[in-house]
Amino acid sequence: MARSILFAEVPGFYAAVERADDPRLASRPVLVGGDPRKRGRVQAATPDALAAGVTVDMPMMDALRHCPLARNFPTDMRRYREVDRCFVATLRGIVPRIESFGLGAGFADLSGSALGGEEIAEAMRQAVREALSLPLRVGLASGKSLARLAAQQLAEEGVLRIPSGEEDRFLAPLPVSRIEGVGRKTEASLAELGVRTIGDVVALGRDRFHAALGSHGLRIHVLACGRDEEPVQGTRHPKSVSRESRVEGDGVDFAALSEHVAGLAHQLEGELERNGVAASRIVVKLRDVDGTVTTRTRTLPVPVASAADLLTEALALLDRARIGARPLRGVGIQLGELVAAAEGTRQLRLFPGG
C-alpha cells in the first residue's frame, strides 16, 4: 500500500497568532522577535513581510527597514503554546492521530484512508480558519520530508500534493538548503563540491556524500532522493495538560489561592473537552518567591474531566500543602495519565457542524 503523508502548518505561526488576535492587523505585515533597540532578531514573520525581504533570524532593526509598515511584537510563548494546544486539538477533530512538529504544525499518516487526502486537507483548513482564524497550508506526499517541502511551496494557504512518481521532478530544482538538516555551514561545504540544488545532490552520488559528510551526508542523500520512510508518530491526545496562574501579594492564603485554582479548573475543563480525554492524575504546584516549587499529587480512582471535579481534587491537594499565609508567586495544575473520555462525551467529526 502506497504511503500518504500529510503535513499541515500555519506559516509564520507566532506572527499569524498576533495577527489573528487583532483584526486591525489583517492587511498589515507582522513581525515577532526581540527588541530592535537591543539587537533582537526576527523569530517569525507573516508572508507579506517575507515578500518585502524580511528573513527569519534577521536583526529586527533591519527587518523594520525592509518592511517599515510592519508591526513588531515581543515573543509571547505562553500565548503561542495556548493556541497550539487548540490547533492540535482542531486537527485531531479531523484525523485522530497527529504528530506535532513544533508549534503550529503537525503530520498525519493518511495511508489506507477511505477519504482522499485533498478532502481531509480542505477540512483541516476550514476547521482551523473557523476555530482560530489562522491560515493553513498543507502538503501531501509519500514521505514526511516531501510533504513538508510541498507545504512550504505555498506562500500562506492551500493544498499541494506531490503525485507518486513525480518526486524527482519536484525536488531537483529546489535549493539544497531546503533539505532538513542542511544549515549554513553544511550549505557552504556543499557549495565547495558544486552542489547547490537537490538535483545536484542526487547527481553527485551517495558515495561522494558519505565521504564528504559521513552519516550526515547519507541522510541528506536519502532525503534528496525522496526516500524518506520515517513513520508518523501520531498520538490521539496529549500525555498531559497544565495551566498556571501568577499570584500577586506577599501574604497569600487558602481563600485567595482557591480563586486562582477555580479559574485554572475551568480552563482545563475546556482543554480536556477539546481533546476528548479525562485525567487520572492531578498535580497542584505552588511557586515561592525564590522560585522553589512545592507539589502535591493524587492518582484518581476514576478519571475526571469536569471543572467541578477538578476543583474538588485540586482544593484537597491545596489543603494538604498547608500554605498558611506565605509569599507565593504562582499556582498551577497539571493533569496527567490522560485517557479517552467515555464514549459519547465527544464526537470527532470530519466537518465542523456536521
Protein backbone atom coordinates (compact mmCIF):
# COMPACT_ATOMS: atom_id res chain seq x y z
CA MET A 1 0.00 0.00 0.00
CA ALA A 2 1.41 3.38 -1.02
CA ARG A 3 2.07 5.79 1.83
CA SER A 4 0.15 9.05 2.01
CA ILE A 5 1.60 11.55 4.49
CA LEU A 6 0.05 14.93 5.28
CA PHE A 7 1.87 17.93 6.74
CA ALA A 8 -0.22 20.87 7.96
CA GLU A 9 1.38 24.15 9.02
CA VAL A 10 0.37 27.67 9.99
CA PRO A 11 3.06 29.74 8.21
CA GLY A 12 4.87 32.18 10.49
CA PHE A 13 2.89 30.78 13.42
CA TYR A 14 3.85 33.37 16.06
CA ALA A 15 3.14 36.26 13.69
CA ALA A 16 -0.08 34.64 12.47
CA VAL A 17 -1.33 34.35 16.06
CA GLU A 18 -0.62 38.03 16.73
CA ARG A 19 -2.50 38.99 13.56
CA ALA A 20 -5.45 36.74 14.43
CA ASP A 21 -5.67 38.31 17.89
CA ASP A 22 -6.08 41.80 16.39
CA PRO A 23 -8.32 42.08 13.29
CA ARG A 24 -6.88 45.55 12.63
CA LEU A 25 -3.67 43.81 11.50
CA ALA A 26 -5.39 41.82 8.73
CA SER A 27 -3.65 43.79 5.97
CA ARG A 28 -0.51 44.83 7.83
CA PRO A 29 2.79 42.88 7.92
CA VAL A 30 3.60 41.43 11.35
CA LEU A 31 6.97 40.56 12.88
CA VAL A 32 7.67 38.69 16.13
CA GLY A 33 11.02 38.65 17.90
CA GLY A 34 13.44 40.54 20.08
CA ASP A 35 13.56 44.22 20.92
CA PRO A 36 15.03 46.12 17.95
CA ARG A 37 16.72 48.53 20.37
CA LYS A 38 18.63 45.62 21.91
CA ARG A 39 19.72 43.92 18.68
CA GLY A 40 16.83 41.47 18.86
CA ARG A 41 16.20 39.18 15.89
CA VAL A 42 13.13 38.13 13.93
CA GLN A 43 11.63 34.82 15.05
CA ALA A 44 8.55 34.84 12.80
CA ALA A 45 7.04 36.96 10.06
CA THR A 46 3.85 36.98 8.02
CA PRO A 47 4.21 36.15 4.30
CA ASP A 48 3.84 39.79 3.23
CA ALA A 49 6.79 40.72 5.44
CA LEU A 50 8.85 37.89 3.94
CA ALA A 51 7.92 39.10 0.47
CA ALA A 52 9.31 42.54 1.42
CA GLY A 53 12.73 41.00 2.08
CA VAL A 54 12.49 40.06 5.77
CA THR A 55 14.08 36.75 6.76
CA VAL A 56 13.85 34.76 9.97
CA ASP A 57 16.85 35.49 12.27
CA MET A 58 17.41 38.87 10.61
CA PRO A 59 18.08 41.70 13.10
CA MET A 60 14.70 43.25 13.92
CA MET A 61 16.02 46.74 13.15
CA ASP A 62 17.00 45.62 9.63
CA ALA A 63 13.63 43.91 9.18
CA LEU A 64 11.81 47.14 10.01
CA ARG A 65 13.92 48.95 7.41
CA HIS A 66 12.95 46.37 4.79
CA CYS A 67 9.32 46.49 5.84
CA PRO A 68 8.62 49.87 7.50
CA LEU A 69 4.85 49.27 7.63
CA ALA A 70 5.29 46.16 9.78
CA ARG A 71 4.07 45.95 13.37
CA ASN A 72 6.56 44.16 15.60
CA PHE A 73 5.66 42.21 18.74
CA PRO A 74 7.76 40.66 21.52
CA THR A 75 7.65 36.87 21.73
CA ASP A 76 4.76 35.59 23.87
CA MET A 77 5.42 31.86 24.24
CA ARG A 78 2.63 31.36 26.75
CA ARG A 79 0.08 32.61 24.22
CA TYR A 80 1.57 30.63 21.34
CA ARG A 81 1.54 27.38 23.33
CA GLU A 82 -2.08 28.01 24.30
CA VAL A 83 -3.08 28.50 20.65
CA ASP A 84 -1.01 25.47 19.59
CA ARG A 85 -2.93 23.25 22.00
CA CYS A 86 -6.18 24.40 20.38
CA PHE A 87 -4.62 23.97 16.94
CA VAL A 88 -3.61 20.36 17.53
CA ALA A 89 -7.00 19.57 19.09
CA THR A 90 -8.65 21.02 15.99
CA LEU A 91 -6.56 18.80 13.70
CA ARG A 92 -7.41 15.78 15.84
CA GLY A 93 -11.07 16.59 15.23
CA ILE A 94 -10.36 15.69 11.59
CA VAL A 95 -7.68 12.98 11.92
CA PRO A 96 -7.38 11.48 15.43
CA ARG A 97 -3.64 10.70 15.27
CA ILE A 98 -1.44 13.78 14.88
CA GLU A 99 2.32 14.09 15.40
CA SER A 100 3.13 17.65 16.48
CA PHE A 101 6.06 19.32 14.75
CA GLY A 102 6.99 22.31 16.86
CA LEU A 103 4.22 24.86 17.37
CA GLY A 104 1.54 25.31 14.73
CA ALA A 105 2.41 22.28 12.61
CA GLY A 106 1.80 18.55 12.51
CA PHE A 107 1.96 15.34 10.48
CA ALA A 108 -0.71 12.70 9.85
CA ASP A 109 -0.50 9.33 8.10
CA LEU A 110 -3.47 9.00 5.74
CA SER A 111 -2.38 5.68 4.24
CA GLY A 112 -5.43 3.48 3.72
CA SER A 113 -7.88 6.28 4.48
CA ALA A 114 -11.25 5.97 2.75
CA LEU A 115 -11.24 9.73 2.12
CA GLY A 116 -8.92 11.50 -0.28
CA GLY A 117 -6.02 13.49 1.10
CA GLU A 118 -7.22 16.69 -0.54
CA GLU A 119 -10.64 16.31 1.07
CA ILE A 120 -9.09 15.86 4.52
CA ALA A 121 -6.69 18.76 3.94
CA GLU A 122 -9.52 21.11 2.97
CA ALA A 123 -11.49 20.04 6.04
CA MET A 124 -8.47 20.92 8.19
CA ARG A 125 -8.11 24.32 6.55
CA GLN A 126 -11.77 25.10 7.10
CA ALA A 127 -11.70 23.94 10.73
CA VAL A 128 -8.55 25.90 11.62
CA ARG A 129 -9.87 29.04 9.94
CA GLU A 130 -13.22 28.81 11.75
CA ALA A 131 -11.83 27.86 15.17
CA LEU A 132 -8.70 30.02 15.31
CA SER A 133 -8.84 32.49 12.38
CA LEU A 134 -5.48 31.16 11.21
CA PRO A 135 -4.30 30.30 7.67
CA LEU A 136 -3.18 26.75 6.93
CA ARG A 137 -1.03 25.29 4.19
CA VAL A 138 -0.99 21.54 3.63
CA GLY A 139 1.41 19.27 1.77
CA LEU A 140 0.65 15.70 0.68
CA ALA A 141 3.32 13.22 -0.41
CA SER A 142 4.75 9.74 0.09
CA GLY A 143 7.03 10.81 2.99
CA LYS A 144 7.28 13.31 5.83
CA SER A 145 10.12 15.38 4.36
CA LEU A 146 8.39 15.57 0.96
CA ALA A 147 5.05 16.56 2.49
CA ARG A 148 6.73 19.35 4.45
CA LEU A 149 8.52 20.65 1.35
CA ALA A 150 5.24 20.57 -0.57
CA ALA A 151 3.52 22.70 2.07
CA GLN A 152 6.39 25.18 2.12
CA GLN A 153 5.97 25.77 -1.62
CA LEU A 154 2.72 27.54 -0.74
CA ALA A 155 3.02 31.14 0.44
CA GLU A 156 0.26 31.11 3.02
CA GLU A 157 -2.75 28.91 2.31
CA GLY A 158 -3.69 25.99 0.10
CA VAL A 159 -3.05 22.32 -0.56
CA LEU A 160 -0.26 20.87 -2.71
CA ARG A 161 0.22 17.18 -3.47
CA ILE A 162 3.38 15.64 -4.94
CA PRO A 163 1.99 12.80 -7.09
CA SER A 164 3.60 9.38 -6.79
CA GLY A 165 6.35 9.05 -9.36
CA GLU A 166 6.96 12.79 -9.66
CA GLU A 167 9.10 13.21 -6.55
CA ASP A 168 12.36 13.66 -8.52
CA ARG A 169 10.85 16.31 -10.79
CA PHE A 170 9.59 18.26 -7.77
CA LEU A 171 12.81 18.01 -5.77
CA ALA A 172 15.51 18.54 -8.41
CA PRO A 173 15.29 22.36 -8.84
CA LEU A 174 14.93 23.20 -5.16
CA PRO A 175 17.96 24.73 -3.37
CA VAL A 176 19.86 22.25 -1.24
CA SER A 177 19.17 24.41 1.83
CA ARG A 178 15.56 23.18 1.69
CA ILE A 179 16.64 19.70 2.85
CA GLU A 180 16.08 19.22 6.57
CA GLY A 181 19.44 19.25 8.37
CA VAL A 182 21.26 21.44 5.81
CA GLY A 183 22.25 24.57 7.69
CA ARG A 184 24.52 27.40 6.63
CA LYS A 185 27.74 25.52 7.41
CA THR A 186 26.68 22.39 5.52
CA GLU A 187 25.38 24.50 2.63
CA ALA A 188 28.76 26.21 2.36
CA SER A 189 30.57 22.84 2.38
CA LEU A 190 28.28 21.53 -0.35
CA ALA A 191 28.83 24.66 -2.45
CA GLU A 192 32.55 23.82 -2.48
CA LEU A 193 31.57 20.49 -4.08
CA GLY A 194 29.46 22.29 -6.68
CA VAL A 195 26.21 21.27 -5.01
CA ARG A 196 23.56 23.97 -4.98
CA THR A 197 20.29 22.18 -5.77
CA ILE A 198 18.73 18.96 -4.58
CA GLY A 199 19.24 17.62 -8.11
CA ASP A 200 22.98 18.24 -7.67
CA VAL A 201 22.91 16.07 -4.54
CA VAL A 202 21.48 13.13 -6.46
CA ALA A 203 23.89 13.63 -9.35
CA LEU A 204 26.95 13.70 -7.08
CA GLY A 205 26.09 10.26 -5.75
CA ARG A 206 25.74 8.53 -2.41
CA ASP A 207 29.39 7.52 -2.00
CA ARG A 208 30.72 11.06 -2.56
CA PHE A 209 28.31 12.40 0.03
CA HIS A 210 29.29 9.74 2.51
CA ALA A 211 32.97 10.53 2.01
CA ALA A 212 32.41 14.27 2.38
CA LEU A 213 29.92 14.39 5.26
CA GLY A 214 29.79 10.93 6.83
CA SER A 215 26.45 9.61 8.11
CA HIS A 216 25.01 13.13 7.90
CA GLY A 217 25.74 13.08 4.17
CA LEU A 218 23.94 9.76 3.77
CA ARG A 219 20.84 11.20 5.44
CA ILE A 220 20.92 14.23 3.12
CA HIS A 221 21.24 11.95 0.08
CA VAL A 222 18.30 9.79 1.16
CA LEU A 223 16.06 12.85 1.55
CA ALA A 224 17.27 14.29 -1.77
CA CYS A 225 16.20 11.06 -3.46
CA GLY A 226 12.74 11.29 -1.88
CA ARG A 227 13.15 8.02 0.02
CA ASP A 228 12.07 9.18 3.46
CA GLU A 229 10.49 6.20 5.26
CA GLU A 230 10.33 7.77 8.73
CA PRO A 231 6.97 6.83 10.31
CA VAL A 232 4.49 9.35 11.68
CA GLN A 233 4.48 9.02 15.47
CA GLY A 234 0.88 10.11 15.82
CA THR A 235 -0.97 10.14 19.12
CA ARG A 236 -4.68 10.57 19.74
CA HIS A 237 -4.24 13.07 22.55
CA PRO A 238 -1.53 14.82 24.62
CA LYS A 239 0.09 12.95 27.50
CA SER A 240 -0.57 15.80 29.91
CA VAL A 241 -2.07 19.29 30.07
CA SER A 242 -1.39 22.11 32.52
CA ARG A 243 -2.26 25.66 33.40
CA GLU A 244 -0.58 28.18 35.70
CA SER A 245 -1.61 31.48 37.25
CA ARG A 246 0.59 34.25 38.59
CA VAL A 247 -0.13 35.22 42.19
CA GLU A 248 0.31 38.78 43.40
CA GLY A 249 0.89 39.79 47.00
CA ASP A 250 3.19 38.68 49.78
CA GLY A 251 0.58 37.19 52.11
CA VAL A 252 -1.43 34.68 50.09
CA ASP A 253 -3.92 32.50 51.96
CA PHE A 254 -6.06 29.49 51.10
CA ALA A 255 -9.10 31.57 50.11
CA ALA A 256 -7.13 33.72 47.69
CA LEU A 257 -5.45 30.71 46.09
CA SER A 258 -8.80 28.92 45.79
CA GLU A 259 -10.00 31.61 43.40
CA HIS A 260 -6.95 31.09 41.17
CA VAL A 261 -7.42 27.31 41.28
CA ALA A 262 -11.09 27.63 40.31
CA GLY A 263 -10.13 29.62 37.22
CA LEU A 264 -7.49 27.04 36.26
CA ALA A 265 -10.01 24.21 36.68
CA HIS A 266 -12.40 25.86 34.23
CA GLN A 267 -9.61 26.40 31.69
CA LEU A 268 -8.53 22.76 31.99
CA GLU A 269 -12.09 21.54 31.58
CA GLY A 270 -12.12 23.17 28.14
CA GLU A 271 -8.72 21.68 27.29
CA LEU A 272 -9.85 18.18 28.23
CA GLU A 273 -13.06 18.58 26.26
CA ARG A 274 -11.20 19.73 23.14
CA ASN A 275 -9.01 16.63 23.28
CA GLY A 276 -11.77 14.23 24.26
CA VAL A 277 -9.93 12.99 27.35
CA ALA A 278 -10.21 12.73 31.12
CA ALA A 279 -7.45 12.91 33.74
CA SER A 280 -6.37 10.09 36.03
CA ARG A 281 -3.68 12.06 37.84
CA ILE A 282 -3.66 15.61 39.19
CA VAL A 283 -0.76 17.70 40.48
CA VAL A 284 -1.02 21.07 42.23
CA LYS A 285 2.13 23.22 42.06
CA LEU A 286 2.98 26.21 44.26
CA ARG A 287 5.83 28.51 43.28
CA ASP A 288 7.51 30.51 46.04
CA VAL A 289 9.02 33.98 45.52
CA ASP A 290 12.50 32.42 45.36
CA GLY A 291 11.46 30.02 42.59
CA THR A 292 11.07 26.94 44.79
CA VAL A 293 8.25 24.68 43.61
CA THR A 294 6.14 22.61 46.01
CA THR A 295 3.91 19.89 44.54
CA ARG A 296 1.09 17.69 45.82
CA THR A 297 -0.09 14.77 43.68
CA ARG A 298 -3.00 12.34 43.62
CA THR A 299 -3.80 9.42 41.33
CA LEU A 300 -7.57 9.28 40.92
CA PRO A 301 -9.61 6.06 41.16
CA VAL A 302 -11.91 7.33 38.40
CA PRO A 303 -10.75 9.73 35.64
CA VAL A 304 -12.37 13.19 35.83
CA ALA A 305 -12.95 15.91 33.25
CA SER A 306 -15.39 18.45 34.70
CA ALA A 307 -14.30 21.74 36.27
CA ALA A 308 -16.24 20.85 39.45
CA ASP A 309 -14.40 17.54 39.90
CA LEU A 310 -11.04 19.08 39.07
CA LEU A 311 -11.63 21.87 41.58
CA THR A 312 -12.61 19.44 44.33
CA GLU A 313 -9.44 17.41 43.84
CA ALA A 314 -7.21 20.46 43.49
CA LEU A 315 -8.54 22.09 46.65
CA ALA A 316 -7.95 18.89 48.58
CA LEU A 317 -4.33 18.89 47.42
CA LEU A 318 -4.02 22.59 48.22
CA ASP A 319 -5.24 21.87 51.74
CA ARG A 320 -2.58 19.18 52.09
CA ALA A 321 0.08 21.73 51.19
CA ARG A 322 -0.73 23.73 54.37
CA ILE A 323 0.21 27.02 52.86
CA GLY A 324 -0.98 29.21 55.73
CA ALA A 325 -0.34 32.82 54.66
CA ARG A 326 3.01 32.95 52.92
CA PRO A 327 4.56 34.82 49.98
CA LEU A 328 3.87 32.99 46.72
CA ARG A 329 4.29 33.92 43.08
CA GLY A 330 2.34 31.25 41.25
CA VAL A 331 -0.03 28.30 41.39
CA GLY A 332 -0.61 25.66 38.75
CA ILE A 333 -2.47 22.46 37.98
CA GLN A 334 -1.08 19.66 35.85
CA LEU A 335 -3.24 16.77 34.66
CA GLY A 336 -1.62 13.51 33.61
CA GLU A 337 -2.36 9.90 32.70
CA LEU A 338 -4.97 11.14 30.25
CA VAL A 339 -7.41 8.60 28.87
CA ALA A 340 -10.12 8.79 26.23
CA ALA A 341 -13.32 10.20 27.69
CA ALA A 342 -16.35 7.96 27.96
CA GLU A 343 -17.99 7.17 24.64
CA GLY A 344 -20.47 9.84 23.68
CA THR A 345 -18.81 12.70 25.60
CA ARG A 346 -17.11 13.93 22.46
CA GLN A 347 -17.79 13.06 18.83
CA LEU A 348 -14.99 13.64 16.35
CA ARG A 349 -16.37 14.96 13.09
CA LEU A 350 -14.86 15.35 9.68
CA PHE A 351 -16.62 18.65 9.03
CA PRO A 352 -17.41 21.16 11.80
CA GLY A 353 -21.11 21.36 12.47
CA GLY A 354 -21.73 18.07 10.64
